[in-house]
Amino acid sequence: MISETYRELSEIAIREFGDIVVKSEILKLPSGVSLKLRLYLVDNTFVDVWISPTGKYSYHWEQSGVRDVVFRHNNAPHERWRHVKTFPKHFHNGSEENAVESNISETKDESEEEVR
């Protein structure tokens, strides 16, 4: 279940990265279904982890309020990034407009480990 995965990742983040992770929370839809895990960092940025039951994912480091940059690995098959060699996987490197190859693993467990 995705909510259990988010709980486990939250515990790992606090345990292994407690020096930079200030707080974690599982954001939910109005229905109560878990949407994503948000990790708040000491530099006033945050990391969102979104995983779907079908294998879609997004690991997103939001820094727009501090440095106006964004970094995100995801596998959403956006037609606009079809030219990227690893499509549908791609990495937004610094901005939404700059998508490049993502060499993150295909499996959920391996990709979670690599993001750490």
PDB file of N, CA and C in Angstrom:
ATOM      1  N   MET A   1       0.841  -1.183   0.000  1.00  0.00           N
ATOM      2  CA  MET A   1       0.000   0.000   0.000  1.00  0.00           C
ATOM      3  C   MET A   1       0.890   1.250   0.000  1.00  0.00           C
ATOM      4  N   ILE A   2       0.504   2.239  -0.758  1.00  0.00           N
ATOM      5  CA  ILE A   2       1.319   3.441  -0.924  1.00  0.00           C
ATOM      6  C   ILE A   2       1.506   4.196   0.389  1.00  0.00           C
ATOM      7  N   SER A   3       0.458   4.288   1.207  1.00  0.00           N
ATOM      8  CA  SER A   3       0.599   5.026   2.466  1.00  0.00           C
ATOM      9  C   SER A   3       1.653   4.388   3.361  1.00  0.00           C
ATOM     10  N   GLU A   4       1.761   3.078   3.342  1.00  0.00           N
ATOM     11  CA  GLU A   4       2.800   2.391   4.122  1.00  0.00           C
ATOM     12  C   GLU A   4       4.184   2.707   3.568  1.00  0.00           C
ATOM     13  N   THR A   5       4.304   2.755   2.258  1.00  0.00           N
ATOM     14  CA  THR A   5       5.575   3.116   1.628  1.00  0.00           C
ATOM     15  C   THR A   5       5.979   4.524   2.052  1.00  0.00           C
ATOM     16  N   TYR A   6       5.036   5.453   2.044  1.00  0.00           N
ATOM     17  CA  TYR A   6       5.334   6.826   2.471  1.00  0.00           C
ATOM     18  C   TYR A   6       5.762   6.867   3.939  1.00  0.00           C
ATOM     19  N   ARG A   7       5.103   6.081   4.797  1.00  0.00           N
ATOM     20  CA  ARG A   7       5.498   6.037   6.213  1.00  0.00           C
ATOM     21  C   ARG A   7       6.928   5.511   6.370  1.00  0.00           C
ATOM     22  N   GLU A   8       7.234   4.453   5.633  1.00  0.00           N
ATOM     23  CA  GLU A   8       8.581   3.882   5.697  1.00  0.00           C
ATOM     24  C   GLU A   8       9.625   4.883   5.210  1.00  0.00           C
ATOM     25  N   LEU A   9       9.346   5.547   4.097  1.00  0.00           N
ATOM     26  CA  LEU A   9      10.286   6.537   3.572  1.00  0.00           C
ATOM     27  C   LEU A   9      10.453   7.711   4.532  1.00  0.00           C
ATOM     28  N   SER A  10       9.387   8.110   5.176  1.00  0.00           N
ATOM     29  CA  SER A  10       9.459   9.180   6.165  1.00  0.00           C
ATOM     30  C   SER A  10      10.385   8.793   7.315  1.00  0.00           C
ATOM     31  N   GLU A  11      10.222   7.579   7.812  1.00  0.00           N
ATOM     32  CA  GLU A  11      11.080   7.098   8.904  1.00  0.00           C
ATOM     33  C   GLU A  11      12.540   7.039   8.478  1.00  0.00           C
ATOM     34  N   ILE A  12      12.787   6.573   7.269  1.00  0.00           N
ATOM     35  CA  ILE A  12      14.163   6.514   6.749  1.00  0.00           C
ATOM     36  C   ILE A  12      14.748   7.916   6.652  1.00  0.00           C
ATOM     37  N   ALA A  13      13.966   8.851   6.126  1.00  0.00           N
ATOM     38  CA  ALA A  13      14.450  10.231   5.959  1.00  0.00           C
ATOM     39  C   ALA A  13      14.830  10.846   7.304  1.00  0.00           C
ATOM     40  N   ILE A  14      13.975  10.677   8.287  1.00  0.00           N
ATOM     41  CA  ILE A  14      14.256  11.238   9.619  1.00  0.00           C
ATOM     42  C   ILE A  14      15.460  10.547  10.249  1.00  0.00           C
ATOM     43  N   ARG A  15      15.525   9.236  10.124  1.00  0.00           N
ATOM     44  CA  ARG A  15      16.624   8.473  10.733  1.00  0.00           C
ATOM     45  C   ARG A  15      17.966   8.759  10.054  1.00  0.00           C
ATOM     46  N   GLU A  16      17.996   8.715   8.722  1.00  0.00           N
ATOM     47  CA  GLU A  16      19.262   8.828   8.004  1.00  0.00           C
ATOM     48  C   GLU A  16      19.654  10.265   7.660  1.00  0.00           C
ATOM     49  N   PHE A  17      18.679  11.158   7.606  1.00  0.00           N
ATOM     50  CA  PHE A  17      18.964  12.529   7.183  1.00  0.00           C
ATOM     51  C   PHE A  17      18.381  13.545   8.151  1.00  0.00           C
ATOM     52  N   GLY A  18      18.317  13.176   9.427  1.00  0.00           N
ATOM     53  CA  GLY A  18      17.759  14.043  10.447  1.00  0.00           C
ATOM     54  C   GLY A  18      18.476  15.371  10.591  1.00  0.00           C
ATOM     55  N   ASP A  19      19.702  15.442  10.112  1.00  0.00           N
ATOM     56  CA  ASP A  19      20.436  16.709  10.185  1.00  0.00           C
ATOM     57  C   ASP A  19      19.924  17.724   9.161  1.00  0.00           C
ATOM     58  N   ILE A  20      19.216  17.276   8.122  1.00  0.00           N
ATOM     59  CA  ILE A  20      18.686  18.217   7.128  1.00  0.00           C
ATOM     60  C   ILE A  20      17.171  18.151   6.966  1.00  0.00           C
ATOM     61  N   VAL A  21      16.543  17.063   7.413  1.00  0.00           N
ATOM     62  CA  VAL A  21      15.089  16.944   7.322  1.00  0.00           C
ATOM     63  C   VAL A  21      14.482  17.470   8.619  1.00  0.00           C
ATOM     64  N   VAL A  22      13.743  18.563   8.516  1.00  0.00           N
ATOM     65  CA  VAL A  22      13.135  19.202   9.678  1.00  0.00           C
ATOM     66  C   VAL A  22      11.838  18.512  10.070  1.00  0.00           C
ATOM     67  N   LYS A  23      11.057  18.123   9.058  1.00  0.00           N
ATOM     68  CA  LYS A  23       9.731  17.567   9.305  1.00  0.00           C
ATOM     69  C   LYS A  23       9.305  16.766   8.077  1.00  0.00           C
ATOM     70  N   SER A  24       8.461  15.799   8.287  1.00  0.00           N
ATOM     71  CA  SER A  24       7.881  15.074   7.157  1.00  0.00           C
ATOM     72  C   SER A  24       6.384  14.958   7.383  1.00  0.00           C
ATOM     73  N   GLU A  25       5.644  14.928   6.276  1.00  0.00           N
ATOM     74  CA  GLU A  25       4.209  14.717   6.385  1.00  0.00           C
ATOM     75  C   GLU A  25       3.694  14.034   5.126  1.00  0.00           C
ATOM     76  N   ILE A  26       2.670  13.229   5.312  1.00  0.00           N
ATOM     77  CA  ILE A  26       2.009  12.592   4.185  1.00  0.00           C
ATOM     78  C   ILE A  26       0.818  13.470   3.828  1.00  0.00           C
ATOM     79  N   LEU A  27       0.859  14.048   2.642  1.00  0.00           N
ATOM     80  CA  LEU A  27      -0.231  14.898   2.174  1.00  0.00           C
ATOM     81  C   LEU A  27      -1.330  13.997   1.624  1.00  0.00           C
ATOM     82  N   LYS A  28      -2.569  14.358   1.914  1.00  0.00           N
ATOM     83  CA  LYS A  28      -3.697  13.511   1.532  1.00  0.00           C
ATOM     84  C   LYS A  28      -4.718  14.281   0.711  1.00  0.00           C
ATOM     85  N   LEU A  29      -5.437  13.532  -0.096  1.00  0.00           N
ATOM     86  CA  LEU A  29      -6.566  14.077  -0.841  1.00  0.00           C
ATOM     87  C   LEU A  29      -7.722  14.310   0.128  1.00  0.00           C
ATOM     88  N   PRO A  30      -8.719  15.123  -0.243  1.00  0.00           N
ATOM     89  CA  PRO A  30      -9.873  15.317   0.648  1.00  0.00           C
ATOM     90  C   PRO A  30     -10.544  14.004   1.057  1.00  0.00           C
ATOM     91  N   SER A  31     -10.415  12.989   0.229  1.00  0.00           N
ATOM     92  CA  SER A  31     -10.997  11.674   0.539  1.00  0.00           C
ATOM     93  C   SER A  31     -10.226  10.923   1.615  1.00  0.00           C
ATOM     94  N   GLY A  32      -9.038  11.422   1.950  1.00  0.00           N
ATOM     95  CA  GLY A  32      -8.199  10.752   2.942  1.00  0.00           C
ATOM     96  C   GLY A  32      -7.146   9.846   2.336  1.00  0.00           C
ATOM     97  N   VAL A  33      -7.166   9.675   1.025  1.00  0.00           N
ATOM     98  CA  VAL A  33      -6.180   8.851   0.335  1.00  0.00           C
ATOM     99  C   VAL A  33      -4.834   9.573   0.318  1.00  0.00           C
ATOM    100  N   SER A  34      -3.764   8.846   0.618  1.00  0.00           N
ATOM    101  CA  SER A  34      -2.420   9.436   0.615  1.00  0.00           C
ATOM    102  C   SER A  34      -2.031   9.868  -0.784  1.00  0.00           C
ATOM    103  N   LEU A  35      -1.581  11.111  -0.912  1.00  0.00           N
ATOM    104  CA  LEU A  35      -1.192  11.665  -2.207  1.00  0.00           C
ATOM    105  C   LEU A  35       0.315  11.589  -2.418  1.00  0.00           C
ATOM    106  N   LYS A  36       1.082  12.106  -1.434  1.00  0.00           N
ATOM    107  CA  LYS A  36       2.536  12.118  -1.556  1.00  0.00           C
ATOM    108  C   LYS A  36       3.159  12.366  -0.198  1.00  0.00           C
ATOM    109  N   LEU A  37       4.449  12.107  -0.129  1.00  0.00           N
ATOM    110  CA  LEU A  37       5.241  12.384   1.059  1.00  0.00           C
ATOM    111  C   LEU A  37       5.969  13.691   0.833  1.00  0.00           C
ATOM    112  N   ARG A  38       5.915  14.582   1.799  1.00  0.00           N
ATOM    113  CA  ARG A  38       6.655  15.840   1.721  1.00  0.00           C
ATOM    114  C   ARG A  38       7.665  15.886   2.865  1.00  0.00           C
ATOM    115  N   LEU A  39       8.925  16.158   2.504  1.00  0.00           N
ATOM    116  CA  LEU A  39      10.008  16.302   3.473  1.00  0.00           C
ATOM    117  C   LEU A  39      10.452  17.749   3.476  1.00  0.00           C
ATOM    118  N   TYR A  40      10.347  18.411   4.613  1.00  0.00           N
ATOM    119  CA  TYR A  40      10.764  19.802   4.752  1.00  0.00           C
ATOM    120  C   TYR A  40      12.226  19.829   5.184  1.00  0.00           C
ATOM    121  N   LEU A  41      13.031  20.619   4.491  1.00  0.00           N
ATOM    122  CA  LEU A  41      14.472  20.656   4.752  1.00  0.00           C
ATOM    123  C   LEU A  41      14.883  21.924   5.483  1.00  0.00           C
ATOM    124  N   VAL A  42      16.060  21.885   6.100  1.00  0.00           N
ATOM    125  CA  VAL A  42      16.541  22.997   6.913  1.00  0.00           C
ATOM    126  C   VAL A  42      16.734  24.283   6.113  1.00  0.00           C
ATOM    127  N   ASP A  43      16.898  24.198   4.814  1.00  0.00           N
ATOM    128  CA  ASP A  43      17.127  25.404   4.006  1.00  0.00           C
ATOM    129  C   ASP A  43      15.826  25.997   3.455  1.00  0.00           C
ATOM    130  N   ASN A  44      14.688  25.604   4.054  1.00  0.00           N
ATOM    131  CA  ASN A  44      13.357  26.089   3.655  1.00  0.00           C
ATOM    132  C   ASN A  44      12.931  25.627   2.272  1.00  0.00           C
ATOM    133  N   THR A  45      13.482  24.512   1.803  1.00  0.00           N
ATOM    134  CA  THR A  45      13.015  23.866   0.582  1.00  0.00           C
ATOM    135  C   THR A  45      12.307  22.575   1.005  1.00  0.00           C
ATOM    136  N   PHE A  46      11.724  21.867   0.042  1.00  0.00           N
ATOM    137  CA  PHE A  46      11.100  20.597   0.378  1.00  0.00           C
ATOM    138  C   PHE A  46      11.261  19.605  -0.761  1.00  0.00           C
ATOM    139  N   VAL A  47      11.155  18.343  -0.389  1.00  0.00           N
ATOM    140  CA  VAL A  47      11.205  17.241  -1.345  1.00  0.00           C
ATOM    141  C   VAL A  47       9.846  16.545  -1.302  1.00  0.00           C
ATOM    142  N   ASP A  48       9.244  16.360  -2.474  1.00  0.00           N
ATOM    143  CA  ASP A  48       8.008  15.592  -2.592  1.00  0.00           C
ATOM    144  C   ASP A  48       8.322  14.254  -3.240  1.00  0.00           C
ATOM    145  N   VAL A  49       7.779  13.199  -2.670  1.00  0.00           N
ATOM    146  CA  VAL A  49       7.896  11.859  -3.239  1.00  0.00           C
ATOM    147  C   VAL A  49       6.481  11.400  -3.559  1.00  0.00           C
ATOM    148  N   TRP A  50       6.248  11.094  -4.832  1.00  0.00           N
ATOM    149  CA  TRP A  50       4.949  10.601  -5.269  1.00  0.00           C
ATOM    150  C   TRP A  50       5.160   9.273  -5.976  1.00  0.00           C
ATOM    151  N   ILE A  51       4.409   8.274  -5.546  1.00  0.00           N
ATOM    152  CA  ILE A  51       4.506   6.938  -6.133  1.00  0.00           C
ATOM    153  C   ILE A  51       3.087   6.443  -6.380  1.00  0.00           C
ATOM    154  N   SER A  52       2.857   5.893  -7.561  1.00  0.00           N
ATOM    155  CA  SER A  52       1.531   5.354  -7.860  1.00  0.00           C
ATOM    156  C   SER A  52       1.569   3.829  -7.802  1.00  0.00           C
ATOM    157  N   PRO A  53       0.421   3.215  -7.608  1.00  0.00           N
ATOM    158  CA  PRO A  53       0.362   1.747  -7.605  1.00  0.00           C
ATOM    159  C   PRO A  53       0.750   1.131  -8.952  1.00  0.00           C
ATOM    160  N   THR A  54       0.699   1.926 -10.021  1.00  0.00           N
ATOM    161  CA  THR A  54       1.013   1.408 -11.358  1.00  0.00           C
ATOM    162  C   THR A  54       2.477   1.572 -11.740  1.00  0.00           C
ATOM    163  N   GLY A  55       3.295   2.136 -10.839  1.00  0.00           N
ATOM    164  CA  GLY A  55       4.718   2.266 -11.131  1.00  0.00           C
ATOM    165  C   GLY A  55       5.163   3.638 -11.574  1.00  0.00           C
ATOM    166  N   LYS A  56       4.264   4.584 -11.664  1.00  0.00           N
ATOM    167  CA  LYS A  56       4.656   5.957 -11.966  1.00  0.00           C
ATOM    168  C   LYS A  56       5.275   6.562 -10.712  1.00  0.00           C
ATOM    169  N   TYR A  57       6.174   7.512 -10.903  1.00  0.00           N
ATOM    170  CA  TYR A  57       6.814   8.135  -9.744  1.00  0.00           C
ATOM    171  C   TYR A  57       7.270   9.550 -10.077  1.00  0.00           C
ATOM    172  N   SER A  58       7.524  10.295  -9.027  1.00  0.00           N
ATOM    173  CA  SER A  58       8.127  11.612  -9.138  1.00  0.00           C
ATOM    174  C   SER A  58       8.876  11.881  -7.841  1.00  0.00           C
ATOM    175  N   TYR A  59      10.142  12.236  -7.982  1.00  0.00           N
ATOM    176  CA  TYR A  59      10.976  12.652  -6.849  1.00  0.00           C
ATOM    177  C   TYR A  59      11.346  14.105  -7.138  1.00  0.00           C
ATOM    178  N   HIS A  60      10.785  15.018  -6.387  1.00  0.00           N
ATOM    179  CA  HIS A  60      10.798  16.434  -6.732  1.00  0.00           C
ATOM    180  C   HIS A  60      11.401  17.262  -5.595  1.00  0.00           C
ATOM    181  N   TRP A  61      12.488  17.992  -5.891  1.00  0.00           N
ATOM    182  CA  TRP A  61      13.088  18.890  -4.897  1.00  0.00           C
ATOM    183  C   TRP A  61      12.707  20.303  -5.286  1.00  0.00           C
ATOM    184  N   GLU A  62      11.796  20.884  -4.554  1.00  0.00           N
ATOM    185  CA  GLU A  62      11.257  22.218  -4.833  1.00  0.00           C
ATOM    186  C   GLU A  62      12.070  23.272  -4.098  1.00  0.00           C
ATOM    187  N   GLN A  63      12.671  24.175  -4.862  1.00  0.00           N
ATOM    188  CA  GLN A  63      13.489  25.234  -4.283  1.00  0.00           C
ATOM    189  C   GLN A  63      13.063  26.616  -4.751  1.00  0.00           C
ATOM    190  N   SER A  64      11.918  26.704  -5.423  1.00  0.00           N
ATOM    191  CA  SER A  64      11.527  27.964  -6.069  1.00  0.00           C
ATOM    192  C   SER A  64      11.422  29.130  -5.097  1.00  0.00           C
ATOM    193  N   GLY A  65      11.012  28.888  -3.872  1.00  0.00           N
ATOM    194  CA  GLY A  65      10.900  29.975  -2.912  1.00  0.00           C
ATOM    195  C   GLY A  65      12.226  30.465  -2.379  1.00  0.00           C
ATOM    196  N   VAL A  66      13.296  29.717  -2.631  1.00  0.00           N
ATOM    197  CA  VAL A  66      14.615  30.050  -2.084  1.00  0.00           C
ATOM    198  C   VAL A  66      15.619  30.367  -3.190  1.00  0.00           C
ATOM    199  N   ARG A  67      15.719  29.480  -4.193  1.00  0.00           N
ATOM    200  CA  ARG A  67      16.735  29.637  -5.236  1.00  0.00           C
ATOM    201  C   ARG A  67      16.162  29.654  -6.654  1.00  0.00           C
ATOM    202  N   ASP A  68      14.859  29.568  -6.778  1.00  0.00           N
ATOM    203  CA  ASP A  68      14.190  29.577  -8.080  1.00  0.00           C
ATOM    204  C   ASP A  68      14.691  28.483  -9.015  1.00  0.00           C
ATOM    205  N   VAL A  69      14.907  27.293  -8.461  1.00  0.00           N
ATOM    206  CA  VAL A  69      15.271  26.124  -9.267  1.00  0.00           C
ATOM    207  C   VAL A  69      14.433  24.930  -8.821  1.00  0.00           C
ATOM    208  N   VAL A  70      14.356  23.949  -9.685  1.00  0.00           N
ATOM    209  CA  VAL A  70      13.634  22.721  -9.382  1.00  0.00           C
ATOM    210  C   VAL A  70      14.425  21.543  -9.953  1.00  0.00           C
ATOM    211  N   PHE A  71      14.425  20.459  -9.223  1.00  0.00           N
ATOM    212  CA  PHE A  71      15.051  19.221  -9.682  1.00  0.00           C
ATOM    213  C   PHE A  71      14.024  18.114  -9.495  1.00  0.00           C
ATOM    214  N   ARG A  72      13.760  17.317 -10.567  1.00  0.00           N
ATOM    215  CA  ARG A  72      12.754  16.276 -10.451  1.00  0.00           C
ATOM    216  C   ARG A  72      13.048  15.130 -11.412  1.00  0.00           C
ATOM    217  N   HIS A  73      13.081  13.930 -10.854  1.00  0.00           N
ATOM    218  CA  HIS A  73      13.087  12.705 -11.651  1.00  0.00           C
ATOM    219  C   HIS A  73      11.636  12.249 -11.741  1.00  0.00           C
ATOM    220  N   ASN A  74      11.172  11.910 -12.944  1.00  0.00           N
ATOM    221  CA  ASN A  74       9.856  11.289 -13.056  1.00  0.00           C
ATOM    222  C   ASN A  74       9.770  10.485 -14.336  1.00  0.00           C
ATOM    223  N   ASN A  75       8.719   9.694 -14.416  1.00  0.00           N
ATOM    224  CA  ASN A  75       8.540   8.858 -15.601  1.00  0.00           C
ATOM    225  C   ASN A  75       7.196   9.108 -16.274  1.00  0.00           C
ATOM    226  N   ALA A  76       6.684  10.311 -16.129  1.00  0.00           N
ATOM    227  CA  ALA A  76       5.451  10.679 -16.833  1.00  0.00           C
ATOM    228  C   ALA A  76       5.776  10.807 -18.325  1.00  0.00           C
ATOM    229  N   PRO A  77       5.014  10.141 -19.181  1.00  0.00           N
ATOM    230  CA  PRO A  77       5.351  10.123 -20.609  1.00  0.00           C
ATOM    231  C   PRO A  77       4.900  11.383 -21.356  1.00  0.00           C
ATOM    232  N   HIS A  78       5.390  12.522 -20.934  1.00  0.00           N
ATOM    233  CA  HIS A  78       5.045  13.778 -21.601  1.00  0.00           C
ATOM    234  C   HIS A  78       5.617  13.783 -23.011  1.00  0.00           C
ATOM    235  N   GLU A  79       4.776  13.973 -23.972  1.00  0.00           N
ATOM    236  CA  GLU A  79       5.174  13.961 -25.380  1.00  0.00           C
ATOM    237  C   GLU A  79       6.308  14.944 -25.651  1.00  0.00           C
ATOM    238  N   ARG A  80       6.315  16.037 -24.954  1.00  0.00           N
ATOM    239  CA  ARG A  80       7.323  17.077 -25.180  1.00  0.00           C
ATOM    240  C   ARG A  80       8.742  16.587 -24.894  1.00  0.00           C
ATOM    241  N   TRP A  81       8.890  15.532 -24.082  1.00  0.00           N
ATOM    242  CA  TRP A  81      10.228  15.020 -23.742  1.00  0.00           C
ATOM    243  C   TRP A  81      10.549  13.717 -24.484  1.00  0.00           C
ATOM    244  N   ARG A  82       9.795  13.412 -25.537  1.00  0.00           N
ATOM    245  CA  ARG A  82      10.011  12.176 -26.299  1.00  0.00           C
ATOM    246  C   ARG A  82      11.438  12.082 -26.847  1.00  0.00           C
ATOM    247  N   HIS A  83      12.077  13.191 -27.103  1.00  0.00           N
ATOM    248  CA  HIS A  83      13.439  13.193 -27.648  1.00  0.00           C
ATOM    249  C   HIS A  83      14.498  12.777 -26.619  1.00  0.00           C
ATOM    250  N   VAL A  84      14.148  12.782 -25.347  1.00  0.00           N
ATOM    251  CA  VAL A  84      15.103  12.414 -24.296  1.00  0.00           C
ATOM    252  C   VAL A  84      15.372  10.913 -24.401  1.00  0.00           C
ATOM    253  N   LYS A  85      16.625  10.553 -24.440  1.00  0.00           N
ATOM    254  CA  LYS A  85      17.050   9.169 -24.680  1.00  0.00           C
ATOM    255  C   LYS A  85      16.394   8.156 -23.734  1.00  0.00           C
ATOM    256  N   THR A  86      16.155   8.526 -22.481  1.00  0.00           N
ATOM    257  CA  THR A  86      15.597   7.604 -21.496  1.00  0.00           C
ATOM    258  C   THR A  86      14.072   7.703 -21.378  1.00  0.00           C
ATOM    259  N   PHE A  87      13.427   8.365 -22.325  1.00  0.00           N
ATOM    260  CA  PHE A  87      11.974   8.552 -22.312  1.00  0.00           C
ATOM    261  C   PHE A  87      11.254   7.233 -22.023  1.00  0.00           C
ATOM    262  N   PRO A  88      10.259   7.201 -21.149  1.00  0.00           N
ATOM    263  CA  PRO A  88       9.587   8.351 -20.548  1.00  0.00           C
ATOM    264  C   PRO A  88      10.289   8.925 -19.319  1.00  0.00           C
ATOM    265  N   LYS A  89      11.316   8.212 -18.825  1.00  0.00           N
ATOM    266  CA  LYS A  89      12.069   8.761 -17.684  1.00  0.00           C
ATOM    267  C   LYS A  89      12.788  10.026 -18.128  1.00  0.00           C
ATOM    268  N   HIS A  90      12.777  11.037 -17.261  1.00  0.00           N
ATOM    269  CA  HIS A  90      13.523  12.252 -17.536  1.00  0.00           C
ATOM    270  C   HIS A  90      13.799  12.973 -16.223  1.00  0.00           C
ATOM    271  N   PHE A  91      14.709  13.905 -16.282  1.00  0.00           N
ATOM    272  CA  PHE A  91      15.148  14.651 -15.102  1.00  0.00           C
ATOM    273  C   PHE A  91      15.063  16.132 -15.417  1.00  0.00           C
ATOM    274  N   HIS A  92      14.268  16.853 -14.631  1.00  0.00           N
ATOM    275  CA  HIS A  92      14.194  18.306 -14.766  1.00  0.00           C
ATOM    276  C   HIS A  92      15.387  18.863 -13.987  1.00  0.00           C
ATOM    277  N   ASN A  93      16.353  19.363 -14.723  1.00  0.00           N
ATOM    278  CA  ASN A  93      17.622  19.786 -14.137  1.00  0.00           C
ATOM    279  C   ASN A  93      17.677  21.304 -14.011  1.00  0.00           C
ATOM    280  N   GLY A  94      17.126  21.800 -12.919  1.00  0.00           N
ATOM    281  CA  GLY A  94      17.182  23.228 -12.632  1.00  0.00           C
ATOM    282  C   GLY A  94      15.923  23.986 -12.985  1.00  0.00           C
ATOM    283  N   SER A  95      15.154  23.480 -13.971  1.00  0.00           N
ATOM    284  CA  SER A  95      13.912  24.154 -14.348  1.00  0.00           C
ATOM    285  C   SER A  95      12.955  23.167 -14.997  1.00  0.00           C
ATOM    286  N   GLU A  96      11.706  23.559 -15.089  1.00  0.00           N
ATOM    287  CA  GLU A  96      10.702  22.742 -15.762  1.00  0.00           C
ATOM    288  C   GLU A  96      11.037  22.581 -17.241  1.00  0.00           C
ATOM    289  N   GLU A  97      11.692  23.578 -17.806  1.00  0.00           N
ATOM    290  CA  GLU A  97      11.982  23.593 -19.243  1.00  0.00           C
ATOM    291  C   GLU A  97      13.215  22.781 -19.637  1.00  0.00           C
ATOM    292  N   ASN A  98      14.031  22.389 -18.691  1.00  0.00           N
ATOM    293  CA  ASN A  98      15.272  21.682 -18.979  1.00  0.00           C
ATOM    294  C   ASN A  98      15.167  20.223 -18.550  1.00  0.00           C
ATOM    295  N   ALA A  99      14.649  19.383 -19.435  1.00  0.00           N
ATOM    296  CA  ALA A  99      14.529  17.955 -19.145  1.00  0.00           C
ATOM    297  C   ALA A  99      15.621  17.201 -19.894  1.00  0.00           C
ATOM    298  N   VAL A 100      16.344  16.380 -19.158  1.00  0.00           N
ATOM    299  CA  VAL A 100      17.461  15.609 -19.716  1.00  0.00           C
ATOM    300  C   VAL A 100      17.287  14.144 -19.322  1.00  0.00           C
ATOM    301  N   GLU A 101      18.221  13.307 -19.761  1.00  0.00           N
ATOM    302  CA  GLU A 101      18.179  11.880 -19.435  1.00  0.00           C
ATOM    303  C   GLU A 101      18.148  11.663 -17.928  1.00  0.00           C
ATOM    304  N   SER A 102      17.418  10.636 -17.535  1.00  0.00           N
ATOM    305  CA  SER A 102      17.385  10.212 -16.136  1.00  0.00           C
ATOM    306  C   SER A 102      17.901   8.788 -16.075  1.00  0.00           C
ATOM    307  N   ASN A 103      18.938   8.581 -15.316  1.00  0.00           N
ATOM    308  CA  ASN A 103      19.519   7.247 -15.200  1.00  0.00           C
ATOM    309  C   ASN A 103      19.093   6.555 -13.910  1.00  0.00           C
ATOM    310  N   ILE A 104      18.008   7.029 -13.341  1.00  0.00           N
ATOM    311  CA  ILE A 104      17.480   6.412 -12.133  1.00  0.00           C
ATOM    312  C   ILE A 104      16.935   5.021 -12.493  1.00  0.00           C
ATOM    313  N   SER A 105      16.987   4.103 -11.568  1.00  0.00           N
ATOM    314  CA  SER A 105      16.551   2.729 -11.812  1.00  0.00           C
ATOM    315  C   SER A 105      15.071   2.635 -12.149  1.00  0.00           C
ATOM    316  N   GLU A 106      14.719   1.534 -12.789  1.00  0.00           N
ATOM    317  CA  GLU A 106      13.328   1.290 -13.168  1.00  0.00           C
ATOM    318  C   GLU A 106      12.485   0.834 -11.984  1.00  0.00           C
ATOM    319  N   THR A 107      13.092   0.118 -11.042  1.00  0.00           N
ATOM    320  CA  THR A 107      12.300  -0.427  -9.945  1.00  0.00           C
ATOM    321  C   THR A 107      12.138   0.590  -8.829  1.00  0.00           C
ATOM    322  N   LYS A 108      10.987   0.519  -8.157  1.00  0.00           N
ATOM    323  CA  LYS A 108      10.665   1.453  -7.079  1.00  0.00           C
ATOM    324  C   LYS A 108      11.712   1.409  -5.972  1.00  0.00           C
ATOM    325  N   ASP A 109      12.067   0.208  -5.501  1.00  0.00           N
ATOM    326  CA  ASP A 109      13.011   0.096  -4.386  1.00  0.00           C
ATOM    327  C   ASP A 109      14.387   0.651  -4.752  1.00  0.00           C
ATOM    328  N   GLU A 110      14.866   0.314  -5.941  1.00  0.00           N
ATOM    329  CA  GLU A 110      16.179   0.800  -6.360  1.00  0.00           C
ATOM    330  C   GLU A 110      16.163   2.304  -6.581  1.00  0.00           C
ATOM    331  N   SER A 111      15.111   2.828  -7.186  1.00  0.00           N
ATOM    332  CA  SER A 111      15.057   4.269  -7.427  1.00  0.00           C
ATOM    333  C   SER A 111      14.972   5.035  -6.108  1.00  0.00           C
ATOM    334  N   GLU A 112      14.220   4.521  -5.139  1.00  0.00           N
ATOM    335  CA  GLU A 112      14.145   5.177  -3.829  1.00  0.00           C
ATOM    336  C   GLU A 112      15.528   5.215  -3.186  1.00  0.00           C
ATOM    337  N   GLU A 113      16.260   4.133  -3.292  1.00  0.00           N
ATOM    338  CA  GLU A 113      17.610   4.066  -2.728  1.00  0.00           C
ATOM    339  C   GLU A 113      18.530   5.082  -3.412  1.00  0.00           C
ATOM    340  N   GLU A 114      18.435   5.201  -4.701  1.00  0.00           N
ATOM    341  CA  GLU A 114      19.301   6.133  -5.461  1.00  0.00           C
ATOM    342  C   GLU A 114      18.989   7.590  -5.128  1.00  0.00           C
ATOM    343  N   VAL A 115      17.723   7.893  -4.913  1.00  0.00           N
ATOM    344  CA  VAL A 115      17.351   9.268  -4.586  1.00  0.00           C
ATOM    345  C   VAL A 115      17.927   9.671  -3.241  1.00  0.00           C
ATOM    346  N   ARG A 116      18.042   8.706  -2.331  1.00  0.00           N
ATOM    347  CA  ARG A 116      18.637   8.992  -1.029  1.00  0.00           C
ATOM    348  C   ARG A 116      20.050   9.434  -1.218  1.00  0.00           C
TER     349      ARG A 116
END
